[in-house]
């Protein structure tokens, strides 16, 4: 049985400003972030900004799914699994990513997954992992990958620590980047 640690902001009780943030990403995550004084919009805007960085959809979803597995985040897994499929990942590739089965992966993919794994499990990637990754990716791509991994980890920790329930229906991403305008 799940214990509610916090009471999520009710839609009917949201201010005009809160509702404008919620409308951009209608989810329990947003309702939970609205418990903070002023970080809901910026947190979601960062997530939207990361979709417009140096990494393509395929690369982003690989990173998110690896982080989700490492930190046991059902939210990230459920939200990003359909996005990973849409980006072109197969169920077998997703399983290999989640379980660190590197045998059928390209060298660049293995270097990315090892780098991200170190970031999450050790709080920092090694110089060796960075140099190996930098053979295949630019510094901008590595910076975006690192930032994305940290954002996913922070979101997972926030949801887990406050025991915010998963959404019962799929959430729309269509308006998320509007927070950056």
N, C-alpha and C. Protein backbone atom coordinates (compact mmCIF):
# COMPACT_ATOMS: atom_id res chain seq x y z
N UNK A 1 0.84 -1.19 0.00
CA UNK A 1 0.00 0.00 0.00
C UNK A 1 0.88 1.25 0.00
N UNK A 2 0.56 2.20 -0.86
CA UNK A 2 1.31 3.43 -0.96
C UNK A 2 0.79 4.44 0.05
N UNK A 3 1.72 5.06 0.76
CA UNK A 3 1.38 6.08 1.75
C UNK A 3 1.59 7.44 1.11
N UNK A 4 0.57 8.29 1.15
CA UNK A 4 0.71 9.65 0.65
C UNK A 4 1.50 10.47 1.64
N UNK A 5 2.65 10.97 1.21
CA UNK A 5 3.47 11.80 2.08
C UNK A 5 3.12 13.28 1.93
N UNK A 6 2.72 13.65 0.73
CA UNK A 6 2.33 15.04 0.47
C UNK A 6 0.98 15.04 -0.22
N UNK A 7 0.28 16.15 -0.07
CA UNK A 7 -1.00 16.30 -0.77
C UNK A 7 -0.74 17.13 -2.03
N UNK A 8 -0.99 16.52 -3.17
CA UNK A 8 -0.75 17.21 -4.43
C UNK A 8 -1.70 18.38 -4.59
N UNK A 9 -1.21 19.39 -5.26
CA UNK A 9 -2.01 20.57 -5.55
C UNK A 9 -3.22 20.16 -6.37
N UNK A 10 -4.40 20.53 -5.91
CA UNK A 10 -5.63 20.23 -6.65
C UNK A 10 -5.77 21.22 -7.81
N UNK A 11 -6.17 20.72 -8.95
CA UNK A 11 -6.30 21.57 -10.14
C UNK A 11 -7.28 22.71 -9.86
N UNK A 12 -8.36 22.39 -9.19
CA UNK A 12 -9.39 23.41 -8.91
C UNK A 12 -8.90 24.50 -7.95
N UNK A 13 -7.79 24.24 -7.25
CA UNK A 13 -7.26 25.21 -6.29
C UNK A 13 -6.01 25.92 -6.80
N UNK A 14 -5.63 25.67 -8.04
CA UNK A 14 -4.43 26.29 -8.59
C UNK A 14 -4.69 27.75 -8.95
N UNK A 15 -3.68 28.57 -8.71
CA UNK A 15 -3.75 29.97 -9.15
C UNK A 15 -3.63 30.00 -10.67
N UNK A 16 -3.88 31.17 -11.23
CA UNK A 16 -3.76 31.33 -12.68
C UNK A 16 -2.35 30.97 -13.15
N UNK A 17 -1.33 31.41 -12.42
CA UNK A 17 0.06 31.12 -12.78
C UNK A 17 0.36 29.63 -12.67
N UNK A 18 -0.13 29.00 -11.60
CA UNK A 18 0.09 27.55 -11.43
C UNK A 18 -0.60 26.76 -12.53
N UNK A 19 -1.80 27.17 -12.87
CA UNK A 19 -2.56 26.50 -13.92
C UNK A 19 -1.85 26.62 -15.27
N UNK A 20 -1.22 27.77 -15.51
CA UNK A 20 -0.50 27.93 -16.78
C UNK A 20 0.69 26.98 -16.86
N UNK A 21 1.34 26.70 -15.74
CA UNK A 21 2.43 25.72 -15.71
C UNK A 21 1.87 24.32 -15.88
N UNK A 22 0.82 24.00 -15.14
CA UNK A 22 0.21 22.67 -15.21
C UNK A 22 -0.28 22.36 -16.62
N UNK A 23 -0.87 23.33 -17.28
CA UNK A 23 -1.39 23.12 -18.64
C UNK A 23 -0.28 22.76 -19.63
N UNK A 24 0.95 23.16 -19.34
CA UNK A 24 2.07 22.84 -20.24
C UNK A 24 2.52 21.38 -20.10
N UNK A 25 2.32 20.79 -18.92
CA UNK A 25 2.66 19.39 -18.69
C UNK A 25 1.74 18.84 -17.60
N UNK A 26 0.51 18.46 -17.99
CA UNK A 26 -0.49 18.03 -17.02
C UNK A 26 -0.16 16.64 -16.45
N UNK A 27 0.48 16.64 -15.29
CA UNK A 27 0.89 15.37 -14.68
C UNK A 27 0.99 15.51 -13.17
N UNK A 28 1.10 14.38 -12.51
CA UNK A 28 1.32 14.40 -11.07
C UNK A 28 2.68 14.99 -10.74
N UNK A 29 3.65 14.83 -11.63
CA UNK A 29 4.95 15.48 -11.42
C UNK A 29 4.75 16.98 -11.28
N UNK A 30 4.01 17.58 -12.19
CA UNK A 30 3.78 19.02 -12.14
C UNK A 30 3.01 19.40 -10.88
N UNK A 31 2.00 18.63 -10.55
CA UNK A 31 1.24 18.91 -9.32
C UNK A 31 2.14 18.83 -8.10
N UNK A 32 3.08 17.89 -8.12
CA UNK A 32 4.04 17.78 -7.02
C UNK A 32 5.03 18.93 -7.02
N UNK A 33 5.53 19.32 -8.19
CA UNK A 33 6.47 20.44 -8.28
C UNK A 33 5.82 21.75 -7.85
N UNK A 34 4.50 21.86 -8.04
CA UNK A 34 3.80 23.08 -7.64
C UNK A 34 3.75 23.24 -6.12
N UNK A 35 4.18 22.23 -5.38
CA UNK A 35 4.31 22.37 -3.93
C UNK A 35 5.49 23.27 -3.57
N UNK A 36 6.45 23.40 -4.48
CA UNK A 36 7.58 24.29 -4.23
C UNK A 36 7.14 25.72 -4.46
N UNK A 37 7.90 26.65 -3.94
CA UNK A 37 7.51 28.05 -4.06
C UNK A 37 7.60 28.56 -5.50
N UNK A 38 8.68 28.19 -6.21
CA UNK A 38 8.83 28.79 -7.54
C UNK A 38 9.64 27.94 -8.52
N UNK A 39 9.80 26.65 -8.29
CA UNK A 39 10.65 25.88 -9.19
C UNK A 39 9.91 24.97 -10.17
N UNK A 40 8.60 24.90 -10.11
CA UNK A 40 7.86 24.00 -11.02
C UNK A 40 8.09 24.37 -12.48
N UNK A 41 7.84 25.60 -12.83
CA UNK A 41 8.02 26.03 -14.21
C UNK A 41 9.46 25.88 -14.69
N UNK A 42 10.45 26.36 -13.91
CA UNK A 42 11.84 26.20 -14.34
C UNK A 42 12.27 24.73 -14.47
N UNK A 43 11.81 23.87 -13.57
CA UNK A 43 12.16 22.45 -13.66
C UNK A 43 11.62 21.86 -14.96
N UNK A 44 10.38 22.13 -15.26
CA UNK A 44 9.77 21.61 -16.49
C UNK A 44 10.39 22.26 -17.72
N UNK A 45 10.70 23.56 -17.63
CA UNK A 45 11.33 24.25 -18.76
C UNK A 45 12.69 23.63 -19.07
N UNK A 46 13.43 23.25 -18.04
CA UNK A 46 14.71 22.59 -18.26
C UNK A 46 14.51 21.28 -19.00
N UNK A 47 13.52 20.50 -18.58
CA UNK A 47 13.22 19.26 -19.29
C UNK A 47 12.89 19.51 -20.75
N UNK A 48 12.13 20.55 -21.02
CA UNK A 48 11.80 20.91 -22.39
C UNK A 48 13.03 21.38 -23.15
N UNK A 49 13.89 22.16 -22.49
CA UNK A 49 15.10 22.65 -23.14
C UNK A 49 16.01 21.50 -23.54
N UNK A 50 16.07 20.48 -22.72
CA UNK A 50 16.94 19.34 -23.03
C UNK A 50 16.47 18.57 -24.26
N UNK A 51 15.21 18.75 -24.65
CA UNK A 51 14.73 18.10 -25.88
C UNK A 51 15.17 18.86 -27.13
N UNK A 52 15.74 20.04 -26.93
CA UNK A 52 16.16 20.87 -28.05
C UNK A 52 17.67 21.08 -28.09
N UNK A 53 18.39 20.25 -27.35
CA UNK A 53 19.84 20.38 -27.27
C UNK A 53 20.56 19.68 -28.41
N UNK A 54 21.80 19.32 -28.16
CA UNK A 54 22.66 18.69 -29.17
C UNK A 54 22.31 17.24 -29.46
N UNK A 55 21.63 16.58 -28.53
CA UNK A 55 21.34 15.15 -28.71
C UNK A 55 20.04 14.95 -29.48
N UNK A 56 20.01 13.94 -30.33
CA UNK A 56 18.77 13.62 -31.02
C UNK A 56 17.86 12.79 -30.11
N UNK A 57 16.63 12.58 -30.54
CA UNK A 57 15.65 11.85 -29.73
C UNK A 57 16.16 10.47 -29.33
N UNK A 58 16.79 9.79 -30.26
CA UNK A 58 17.30 8.43 -30.04
C UNK A 58 18.32 8.42 -28.89
N UNK A 59 19.29 9.31 -28.97
CA UNK A 59 20.33 9.39 -27.93
C UNK A 59 19.74 9.78 -26.59
N UNK A 60 18.82 10.76 -26.59
CA UNK A 60 18.21 11.19 -25.32
C UNK A 60 17.48 10.05 -24.64
N UNK A 61 16.73 9.28 -25.40
CA UNK A 61 15.94 8.21 -24.78
C UNK A 61 16.82 7.08 -24.26
N UNK A 62 17.94 6.84 -24.91
CA UNK A 62 18.90 5.85 -24.40
C UNK A 62 19.37 6.27 -23.00
N UNK A 63 19.71 7.53 -22.88
CA UNK A 63 20.20 8.05 -21.60
C UNK A 63 19.12 7.98 -20.53
N UNK A 64 17.92 8.44 -20.87
CA UNK A 64 16.84 8.46 -19.88
C UNK A 64 16.51 7.04 -19.41
N UNK A 65 16.43 6.11 -20.33
CA UNK A 65 16.09 4.73 -19.93
C UNK A 65 17.18 4.11 -19.06
N UNK A 66 18.44 4.43 -19.33
CA UNK A 66 19.52 3.90 -18.48
C UNK A 66 19.42 4.50 -17.08
N UNK A 67 19.21 5.80 -17.00
CA UNK A 67 19.07 6.44 -15.69
C UNK A 67 17.86 5.87 -14.96
N UNK A 68 16.75 5.72 -15.65
CA UNK A 68 15.54 5.18 -15.02
C UNK A 68 15.81 3.82 -14.40
N UNK A 69 16.55 2.99 -15.10
CA UNK A 69 16.88 1.66 -14.57
C UNK A 69 17.80 1.77 -13.36
N UNK A 70 18.82 2.61 -13.46
CA UNK A 70 19.80 2.74 -12.38
C UNK A 70 19.20 3.28 -11.09
N UNK A 71 18.21 4.16 -11.20
CA UNK A 71 17.62 4.76 -10.01
C UNK A 71 16.24 4.20 -9.70
N UNK A 72 15.87 3.14 -10.45
CA UNK A 72 14.60 2.46 -10.23
C UNK A 72 13.41 3.42 -10.31
N UNK A 73 13.38 4.21 -11.39
CA UNK A 73 12.32 5.20 -11.56
C UNK A 73 11.24 4.70 -12.50
N UNK A 74 10.13 4.28 -11.92
CA UNK A 74 8.99 3.88 -12.74
C UNK A 74 8.47 5.05 -13.57
N UNK A 75 8.49 6.25 -12.99
CA UNK A 75 8.00 7.43 -13.71
C UNK A 75 8.78 7.63 -15.00
N UNK A 76 10.11 7.71 -14.91
CA UNK A 76 10.92 7.93 -16.11
C UNK A 76 10.74 6.78 -17.11
N UNK A 77 10.66 5.57 -16.61
CA UNK A 77 10.50 4.41 -17.50
C UNK A 77 9.16 4.46 -18.23
N UNK A 78 8.09 4.71 -17.49
CA UNK A 78 6.75 4.73 -18.08
C UNK A 78 6.59 5.91 -19.05
N UNK A 79 7.07 7.06 -18.67
CA UNK A 79 6.95 8.26 -19.52
C UNK A 79 7.81 8.12 -20.78
N UNK A 80 9.01 7.57 -20.64
CA UNK A 80 9.95 7.58 -21.76
C UNK A 80 9.95 6.32 -22.62
N UNK A 81 9.37 5.24 -22.15
CA UNK A 81 9.35 4.02 -22.98
C UNK A 81 8.67 4.28 -24.34
N UNK A 82 7.46 4.87 -24.37
CA UNK A 82 6.85 5.13 -25.69
C UNK A 82 7.66 6.12 -26.53
N UNK A 83 8.33 7.06 -25.88
CA UNK A 83 9.18 8.01 -26.61
C UNK A 83 10.39 7.30 -27.21
N UNK A 84 10.92 6.32 -26.49
CA UNK A 84 12.05 5.54 -26.99
C UNK A 84 11.64 4.72 -28.21
N UNK A 85 10.49 4.11 -28.16
CA UNK A 85 9.98 3.35 -29.30
C UNK A 85 9.76 4.29 -30.50
N UNK A 86 9.17 5.44 -30.22
CA UNK A 86 8.93 6.44 -31.28
C UNK A 86 10.24 6.93 -31.88
N UNK A 87 11.30 7.01 -31.06
CA UNK A 87 12.60 7.47 -31.53
C UNK A 87 13.34 6.40 -32.34
N UNK A 88 12.81 5.17 -32.33
CA UNK A 88 13.42 4.12 -33.15
C UNK A 88 14.09 2.99 -32.41
N UNK A 89 14.05 3.02 -31.09
CA UNK A 89 14.61 1.92 -30.31
C UNK A 89 13.68 0.71 -30.35
N UNK A 90 14.26 -0.48 -30.40
CA UNK A 90 13.46 -1.70 -30.35
C UNK A 90 13.34 -2.16 -28.90
N UNK A 91 12.41 -3.05 -28.64
CA UNK A 91 12.26 -3.59 -27.29
C UNK A 91 13.54 -4.31 -26.85
N UNK A 92 14.20 -4.99 -27.77
CA UNK A 92 15.46 -5.68 -27.46
C UNK A 92 16.54 -4.67 -27.09
N UNK A 93 16.63 -3.58 -27.84
CA UNK A 93 17.62 -2.56 -27.52
C UNK A 93 17.34 -1.93 -26.16
N UNK A 94 16.09 -1.68 -25.86
CA UNK A 94 15.73 -1.12 -24.56
C UNK A 94 16.11 -2.07 -23.44
N UNK A 95 15.83 -3.34 -23.62
CA UNK A 95 16.21 -4.34 -22.62
C UNK A 95 17.73 -4.37 -22.44
N UNK A 96 18.47 -4.33 -23.54
CA UNK A 96 19.94 -4.32 -23.45
C UNK A 96 20.45 -3.07 -22.73
N UNK A 97 19.86 -1.92 -23.01
CA UNK A 97 20.24 -0.67 -22.35
C UNK A 97 19.99 -0.77 -20.85
N UNK A 98 18.80 -1.22 -20.49
CA UNK A 98 18.43 -1.28 -19.08
C UNK A 98 19.28 -2.29 -18.31
N UNK A 99 19.70 -3.35 -18.97
CA UNK A 99 20.44 -4.41 -18.28
C UNK A 99 21.94 -4.40 -18.57
N UNK A 100 22.42 -3.32 -19.17
CA UNK A 100 23.84 -3.17 -19.47
C UNK A 100 24.40 -4.36 -20.24
N UNK A 101 23.64 -4.85 -21.18
CA UNK A 101 24.08 -5.93 -22.06
C UNK A 101 24.70 -5.26 -23.28
N UNK A 102 26.01 -5.08 -23.24
CA UNK A 102 26.71 -4.31 -24.26
C UNK A 102 27.15 -5.13 -25.46
N UNK A 103 26.93 -6.43 -25.47
CA UNK A 103 27.50 -7.30 -26.49
C UNK A 103 27.07 -6.97 -27.92
N UNK A 104 25.88 -6.45 -28.12
CA UNK A 104 25.40 -6.16 -29.47
C UNK A 104 25.37 -4.67 -29.78
N UNK A 105 26.06 -3.88 -28.98
CA UNK A 105 26.01 -2.42 -29.16
C UNK A 105 27.27 -1.90 -29.82
N UNK A 106 27.10 -0.77 -30.50
CA UNK A 106 28.25 -0.09 -31.10
C UNK A 106 29.14 0.49 -30.00
N UNK A 107 30.38 0.78 -30.36
CA UNK A 107 31.34 1.32 -29.38
C UNK A 107 30.87 2.66 -28.83
N UNK A 108 30.28 3.50 -29.68
CA UNK A 108 29.83 4.80 -29.18
C UNK A 108 28.69 4.64 -28.18
N UNK A 109 27.79 3.69 -28.41
CA UNK A 109 26.68 3.45 -27.49
C UNK A 109 27.19 2.92 -26.15
N UNK A 110 28.12 1.99 -26.22
CA UNK A 110 28.71 1.43 -24.99
C UNK A 110 29.40 2.54 -24.20
N UNK A 111 30.15 3.39 -24.88
CA UNK A 111 30.86 4.46 -24.16
C UNK A 111 29.87 5.42 -23.51
N UNK A 112 28.75 5.72 -24.18
CA UNK A 112 27.73 6.60 -23.60
C UNK A 112 27.11 5.96 -22.36
N UNK A 113 26.74 4.70 -22.47
CA UNK A 113 26.08 4.03 -21.35
C UNK A 113 27.02 3.87 -20.15
N UNK A 114 28.28 3.58 -20.41
CA UNK A 114 29.24 3.47 -19.30
C UNK A 114 29.45 4.83 -18.63
N UNK A 115 29.53 5.86 -19.44
CA UNK A 115 29.70 7.21 -18.91
C UNK A 115 28.50 7.59 -18.02
N UNK A 116 27.30 7.39 -18.54
CA UNK A 116 26.09 7.74 -17.79
C UNK A 116 25.98 6.90 -16.51
N UNK A 117 26.31 5.63 -16.61
CA UNK A 117 26.28 4.75 -15.43
C UNK A 117 27.21 5.27 -14.34
N UNK A 118 28.43 5.67 -14.72
CA UNK A 118 29.35 6.23 -13.74
C UNK A 118 28.80 7.52 -13.14
N UNK A 119 28.25 8.38 -13.98
CA UNK A 119 27.67 9.64 -13.47
C UNK A 119 26.65 9.37 -12.37
N UNK A 120 25.77 8.42 -12.61
CA UNK A 120 24.68 8.16 -11.67
C UNK A 120 25.17 7.39 -10.45
N UNK A 121 25.93 6.34 -10.66
CA UNK A 121 26.32 5.49 -9.53
C UNK A 121 27.46 6.06 -8.70
N UNK A 122 28.33 6.87 -9.33
CA UNK A 122 29.48 7.41 -8.61
C UNK A 122 29.37 8.92 -8.38
N UNK A 123 28.35 9.54 -8.97
CA UNK A 123 28.20 10.98 -8.84
C UNK A 123 29.09 11.75 -9.79
N UNK A 124 29.92 11.05 -10.54
CA UNK A 124 30.83 11.67 -11.48
C UNK A 124 31.40 10.59 -12.38
N UNK A 125 31.58 10.93 -13.64
CA UNK A 125 32.24 9.99 -14.55
C UNK A 125 33.75 10.16 -14.44
N UNK A 126 34.46 9.11 -14.73
CA UNK A 126 35.92 9.17 -14.69
C UNK A 126 36.46 9.92 -15.90
N UNK A 127 37.68 10.38 -15.79
CA UNK A 127 38.35 11.05 -16.90
C UNK A 127 38.46 10.08 -18.08
N UNK A 128 38.73 8.83 -17.78
CA UNK A 128 38.84 7.82 -18.83
C UNK A 128 37.52 7.67 -19.60
N UNK A 129 36.42 7.62 -18.87
CA UNK A 129 35.11 7.50 -19.52
C UNK A 129 34.81 8.72 -20.37
N UNK A 130 35.15 9.90 -19.86
CA UNK A 130 34.94 11.12 -20.64
C UNK A 130 35.75 11.06 -21.93
N UNK A 131 37.04 10.71 -21.82
CA UNK A 131 37.90 10.68 -23.01
C UNK A 131 37.41 9.65 -24.02
N UNK A 132 36.95 8.51 -23.54
CA UNK A 132 36.42 7.48 -24.45
C UNK A 132 35.16 8.00 -25.14
N UNK A 133 34.28 8.63 -24.39
CA UNK A 133 33.05 9.18 -24.96
C UNK A 133 33.34 10.30 -25.95
N UNK A 134 34.36 11.09 -25.65
CA UNK A 134 34.72 12.22 -26.50
C UNK A 134 35.30 11.79 -27.85
N UNK A 135 35.59 10.51 -28.01
CA UNK A 135 35.99 9.98 -29.32
C UNK A 135 34.81 10.01 -30.29
N UNK A 136 33.61 9.93 -29.75
CA UNK A 136 32.40 9.78 -30.57
C UNK A 136 31.45 10.98 -30.49
N UNK A 137 31.54 11.73 -29.41
CA UNK A 137 30.61 12.83 -29.17
C UNK A 137 31.37 14.12 -28.90
N UNK A 138 30.76 15.24 -29.28
CA UNK A 138 31.35 16.55 -29.01
C UNK A 138 31.21 16.88 -27.53
N UNK A 139 31.95 17.89 -27.11
CA UNK A 139 31.83 18.33 -25.72
C UNK A 139 30.41 18.83 -25.43
N UNK A 140 29.78 19.48 -26.40
CA UNK A 140 28.40 19.93 -26.22
C UNK A 140 27.45 18.77 -26.03
N UNK A 141 27.62 17.73 -26.83
CA UNK A 141 26.76 16.54 -26.68
C UNK A 141 26.98 15.87 -25.33
N UNK A 142 28.24 15.81 -24.89
CA UNK A 142 28.54 15.21 -23.59
C UNK A 142 27.96 16.06 -22.47
N UNK A 143 28.06 17.37 -22.61
CA UNK A 143 27.48 18.27 -21.60
C UNK A 143 25.96 18.08 -21.53
N UNK A 144 25.30 18.02 -22.69
CA UNK A 144 23.85 17.78 -22.70
C UNK A 144 23.51 16.42 -22.10
N UNK A 145 24.29 15.39 -22.42
CA UNK A 145 24.04 14.05 -21.88
C UNK A 145 24.17 14.05 -20.36
N UNK A 146 25.19 14.72 -19.86
CA UNK A 146 25.42 14.79 -18.41
C UNK A 146 24.29 15.55 -17.73
N UNK A 147 23.89 16.66 -18.31
CA UNK A 147 22.81 17.47 -17.76
C UNK A 147 21.49 16.69 -17.77
N UNK A 148 21.22 16.00 -18.87
CA UNK A 148 20.01 15.19 -18.97
C UNK A 148 19.98 14.09 -17.91
N UNK A 149 21.10 13.40 -17.74
CA UNK A 149 21.16 12.34 -16.73
C UNK A 149 20.89 12.90 -15.33
N UNK A 150 21.48 14.04 -15.03
CA UNK A 150 21.25 14.67 -13.73
C UNK A 150 19.82 15.12 -13.53
N UNK A 151 19.22 15.66 -14.58
CA UNK A 151 17.83 16.11 -14.50
C UNK A 151 16.90 14.91 -14.27
N UNK A 152 17.15 13.82 -14.97
CA UNK A 152 16.34 12.60 -14.77
C UNK A 152 16.49 12.07 -13.36
N UNK A 153 17.74 12.05 -12.87
CA UNK A 153 17.99 11.57 -11.52
C UNK A 153 17.29 12.46 -10.50
N UNK A 154 17.39 13.77 -10.67
CA UNK A 154 16.76 14.70 -9.73
C UNK A 154 15.24 14.52 -9.74
N UNK A 155 14.65 14.38 -10.92
CA UNK A 155 13.21 14.18 -11.01
C UNK A 155 12.80 12.89 -10.33
N UNK A 156 13.53 11.83 -10.58
CA UNK A 156 13.23 10.53 -9.96
C UNK A 156 13.34 10.61 -8.45
N UNK A 157 14.38 11.27 -7.95
CA UNK A 157 14.57 11.41 -6.51
C UNK A 157 13.44 12.22 -5.88
N UNK A 158 13.02 13.28 -6.55
CA UNK A 158 11.95 14.13 -6.06
C UNK A 158 10.65 13.32 -5.94
N UNK A 159 10.30 12.62 -7.01
CA UNK A 159 9.06 11.83 -7.02
C UNK A 159 9.10 10.72 -5.98
N UNK A 160 10.21 10.05 -5.88
CA UNK A 160 10.34 8.93 -4.95
C UNK A 160 10.35 9.40 -3.50
N UNK A 161 11.11 10.44 -3.22
CA UNK A 161 11.22 10.91 -1.84
C UNK A 161 9.91 11.45 -1.29
N UNK A 162 9.12 12.08 -2.15
CA UNK A 162 7.83 12.61 -1.71
C UNK A 162 6.68 11.64 -1.98
N UNK A 163 7.03 10.49 -2.56
CA UNK A 163 6.05 9.43 -2.84
C UNK A 163 4.89 9.94 -3.69
N UNK A 164 5.25 10.66 -4.73
CA UNK A 164 4.24 11.21 -5.65
C UNK A 164 3.78 10.09 -6.58
N UNK A 165 2.48 9.84 -6.64
CA UNK A 165 1.99 8.70 -7.42
C UNK A 165 2.15 8.90 -8.93
N UNK A 166 2.30 7.78 -9.62
CA UNK A 166 2.36 7.81 -11.08
C UNK A 166 1.03 8.25 -11.64
N UNK A 167 1.07 8.86 -12.80
CA UNK A 167 -0.16 9.22 -13.49
C UNK A 167 -0.86 7.96 -13.99
N UNK A 168 -2.16 8.02 -14.04
CA UNK A 168 -2.93 6.87 -14.51
C UNK A 168 -3.10 6.90 -16.02
N UNK A 169 -2.91 8.05 -16.63
CA UNK A 169 -3.02 8.17 -18.09
C UNK A 169 -1.75 8.82 -18.62
N UNK A 170 -1.51 8.65 -19.92
CA UNK A 170 -0.33 9.23 -20.55
C UNK A 170 -0.44 10.74 -20.58
N UNK A 171 0.68 11.40 -20.37
CA UNK A 171 0.75 12.85 -20.33
C UNK A 171 1.24 13.39 -21.67
N UNK A 172 0.70 14.51 -22.09
CA UNK A 172 1.11 15.14 -23.34
C UNK A 172 2.36 15.98 -23.15
N UNK A 173 3.30 15.85 -24.08
CA UNK A 173 4.53 16.62 -24.09
C UNK A 173 4.43 17.81 -25.04
N UNK A 174 3.32 17.95 -25.74
CA UNK A 174 3.19 18.91 -26.83
C UNK A 174 3.49 20.35 -26.45
N UNK A 175 3.17 20.76 -25.23
CA UNK A 175 3.32 22.16 -24.84
C UNK A 175 4.50 22.42 -23.91
N UNK A 176 5.27 21.38 -23.60
CA UNK A 176 6.34 21.51 -22.61
C UNK A 176 7.37 22.56 -22.99
N UNK A 177 7.75 22.61 -24.25
CA UNK A 177 8.78 23.58 -24.65
C UNK A 177 8.27 25.02 -24.64
N UNK A 178 6.96 25.21 -24.54
CA UNK A 178 6.41 26.58 -24.46
C UNK A 178 6.88 27.28 -23.18
N UNK A 179 7.29 26.53 -22.19
CA UNK A 179 7.78 27.13 -20.95
C UNK A 179 9.09 27.89 -21.17
N UNK A 180 9.75 27.62 -22.29
CA UNK A 180 11.02 28.29 -22.60
C UNK A 180 10.84 29.54 -23.45
N UNK A 181 9.61 29.87 -23.77
CA UNK A 181 9.36 31.07 -24.60
C UNK A 181 9.19 32.30 -23.75
